[in-house]
Amino acid sequence: MIPAEIQRIVRAGVPLAGQWGIEVLQAEAGTALCRLPERPDLLRPGGTISGPALMGLADVAMWAALLGVHEGRDESLTSQLAITFLRRPAPGAVLAEARIVKRGGRLIYGEVWLRAEGETEPAAHVTTQWVAVTPPRQ
């Protein structure tokens, strides 16, 4: 699937992703790259992007990675998400690089690295676990 199709599915499934303008730039083979554009309404005092916005971006990016594996059909659910904030991201857009680390039975383990667009140093590291849900056949 092309990223635009996965972006459409993400925004339909998580309307907040559409409201925030999250873009799916890549999604294939258990990886995804998503972008959260600069948004003044997602800033916290001090002018840095809020933790909830970063966590939301990471969660959406992991789902995009799963959608890339399952040809746009995935109803897996987040069961755990842990984030370590490493540094303030520079002002502007934030990128999320997600990858599935391990699949075993019904559990999926993944990680997401967040960084300011144009920067190489990570702003946060996320580990996440999902429970696989098999979507009904249509």
Protein backbone atom coordinates (compact mmCIF):
# COMPACT_ATOMS: atom_id res chain seq x y z
CA MET A 1 0.00 0.00 0.00
CA ILE A 2 1.12 3.52 -0.58
CA PRO A 3 1.59 5.83 2.42
CA ALA A 4 -1.37 8.03 1.39
CA GLU A 5 -3.73 5.03 1.69
CA ILE A 6 -2.39 4.15 5.13
CA GLN A 7 -2.68 7.81 6.15
CA ARG A 8 -6.35 7.76 5.10
CA ILE A 9 -6.96 4.63 7.21
CA VAL A 10 -5.11 6.13 10.20
CA ARG A 11 -7.06 9.37 10.06
CA ALA A 12 -10.38 7.50 9.75
CA GLY A 13 -9.52 5.18 12.64
CA VAL A 14 -8.02 7.86 14.88
CA PRO A 15 -9.71 11.17 13.99
CA LEU A 16 -7.34 13.02 16.34
CA ALA A 17 -4.50 12.09 13.96
CA GLY A 18 -6.32 13.98 11.22
CA GLN A 19 -7.05 16.95 13.46
CA TRP A 20 -3.35 17.15 14.35
CA GLY A 21 -2.35 16.76 10.69
CA ILE A 22 -0.22 13.63 11.24
CA GLU A 23 1.23 12.49 7.94
CA VAL A 24 2.31 8.95 7.05
CA LEU A 25 5.46 9.40 4.96
CA GLN A 26 6.44 5.70 4.76
CA ALA A 27 4.87 2.44 5.90
CA GLU A 28 6.14 -0.96 4.84
CA ALA A 29 7.51 -4.24 6.14
CA GLY A 30 6.82 -3.45 9.79
CA THR A 31 8.26 0.07 9.77
CA ALA A 32 6.73 3.51 9.43
CA LEU A 33 7.81 7.12 9.32
CA CYS A 34 5.23 9.67 10.41
CA ARG A 35 5.37 13.45 10.73
CA LEU A 36 3.57 15.74 13.13
CA PRO A 37 3.61 19.27 11.68
CA GLU A 38 4.36 22.27 13.84
CA ARG A 39 1.21 23.21 15.74
CA PRO A 40 1.06 26.01 18.33
CA ASP A 41 -1.90 24.32 20.05
CA LEU A 42 0.29 21.29 20.91
CA LEU A 43 2.94 23.30 22.73
CA ARG A 44 3.40 23.36 26.48
CA PRO A 45 4.85 26.18 28.56
CA GLY A 46 8.42 26.81 27.49
CA GLY A 47 7.55 26.44 23.80
CA THR A 48 8.20 22.71 23.46
CA ILE A 49 5.78 20.14 22.13
CA SER A 50 3.69 18.49 24.83
CA GLY A 51 4.27 14.96 26.06
CA PRO A 52 0.73 13.83 25.20
CA ALA A 53 1.26 14.96 21.59
CA LEU A 54 4.53 13.02 21.35
CA MET A 55 2.89 9.91 22.83
CA GLY A 56 -0.01 10.21 20.40
CA LEU A 57 2.36 10.54 17.45
CA ALA A 58 4.31 7.46 18.59
CA ASP A 59 1.13 5.40 18.98
CA VAL A 60 -0.11 6.38 15.52
CA ALA A 61 3.30 5.62 13.97
CA MET A 62 3.30 2.10 15.41
CA TRP A 63 -0.20 1.48 14.10
CA ALA A 64 0.95 2.69 10.65
CA ALA A 65 3.79 0.12 10.81
CA LEU A 66 1.24 -2.60 11.59
CA LEU A 67 -1.06 -1.43 8.81
CA GLY A 68 1.89 -1.65 6.40
CA VAL A 69 2.36 -5.31 7.29
CA HIS A 70 -1.33 -6.20 7.02
CA GLU A 71 -2.21 -4.35 3.81
CA GLY A 72 -4.21 -1.70 5.64
CA ARG A 73 -6.24 -4.10 7.80
CA ASP A 74 -5.21 -4.14 11.42
CA GLU A 75 -7.31 -3.80 14.54
CA SER A 76 -4.54 -4.46 17.07
CA LEU A 77 -4.75 -2.58 20.34
CA THR A 78 -2.09 -0.79 22.36
CA SER A 79 -1.64 -2.61 25.66
CA GLN A 80 1.42 -0.71 26.92
CA LEU A 81 3.36 2.38 25.93
CA ALA A 82 6.39 3.74 27.78
CA ILE A 83 8.19 6.90 26.76
CA THR A 84 11.54 8.26 27.82
CA PHE A 85 11.99 11.95 27.08
CA LEU A 86 15.63 12.52 26.18
CA ARG A 87 15.70 16.20 25.19
CA ARG A 88 13.40 18.96 24.04
CA PRO A 89 12.74 18.71 20.34
CA ALA A 90 13.72 21.81 18.39
CA PRO A 91 10.76 24.00 17.43
CA GLY A 92 8.94 22.70 14.37
CA ALA A 93 7.71 19.39 13.06
CA VAL A 94 8.48 16.08 14.77
CA LEU A 95 9.24 12.78 13.05
CA ALA A 96 8.41 9.34 14.44
CA GLU A 97 10.30 6.28 13.19
CA ALA A 98 8.45 3.13 14.25
CA ARG A 99 9.40 -0.50 13.84
CA ILE A 100 8.03 -3.82 14.93
CA VAL A 101 10.73 -5.53 16.98
CA LYS A 102 9.03 -8.85 17.68
CA ARG A 103 5.78 -10.65 16.99
CA GLY A 104 4.88 -13.63 19.10
CA GLY A 105 1.44 -15.16 19.13
CA ARG A 106 -0.94 -12.35 20.01
CA LEU A 107 1.68 -9.93 21.35
CA ILE A 108 3.57 -7.42 19.25
CA TYR A 109 6.52 -5.47 20.64
CA GLY A 110 7.73 -2.29 18.96
CA GLU A 111 9.79 0.81 19.39
CA VAL A 112 9.55 4.37 18.13
CA TRP A 113 12.24 7.03 17.98
CA LEU A 114 11.03 10.64 17.96
CA ARG A 115 13.14 13.54 16.73
CA ALA A 116 12.70 17.08 15.51
CA GLU A 117 12.60 17.29 11.74
CA GLY A 118 16.05 18.18 10.46
CA GLU A 119 17.76 16.89 13.62
CA THR A 120 19.63 13.62 14.07
CA GLU A 121 19.54 13.40 17.87
CA PRO A 122 16.44 11.72 19.31
CA ALA A 123 14.04 13.68 21.48
CA ALA A 124 12.33 10.59 22.91
CA HIS A 125 12.36 6.80 22.80
CA VAL A 126 9.17 4.77 23.04
CA THR A 127 8.64 1.09 23.68
CA THR A 128 5.21 -0.30 23.08
CA GLN A 129 3.32 -3.56 23.23
CA TRP A 130 0.21 -4.33 21.25
CA VAL A 131 -2.32 -7.15 21.32
CA ALA A 132 -3.06 -8.55 17.85
CA VAL A 133 -6.73 -8.60 16.92
CA THR A 134 -7.68 -10.42 13.75
CA PRO A 135 -10.08 -8.27 11.75
CA PRO A 136 -13.18 -10.06 10.44
CA ARG A 137 -13.12 -11.06 6.79
CA GLN A 138 -15.30 -8.99 4.52
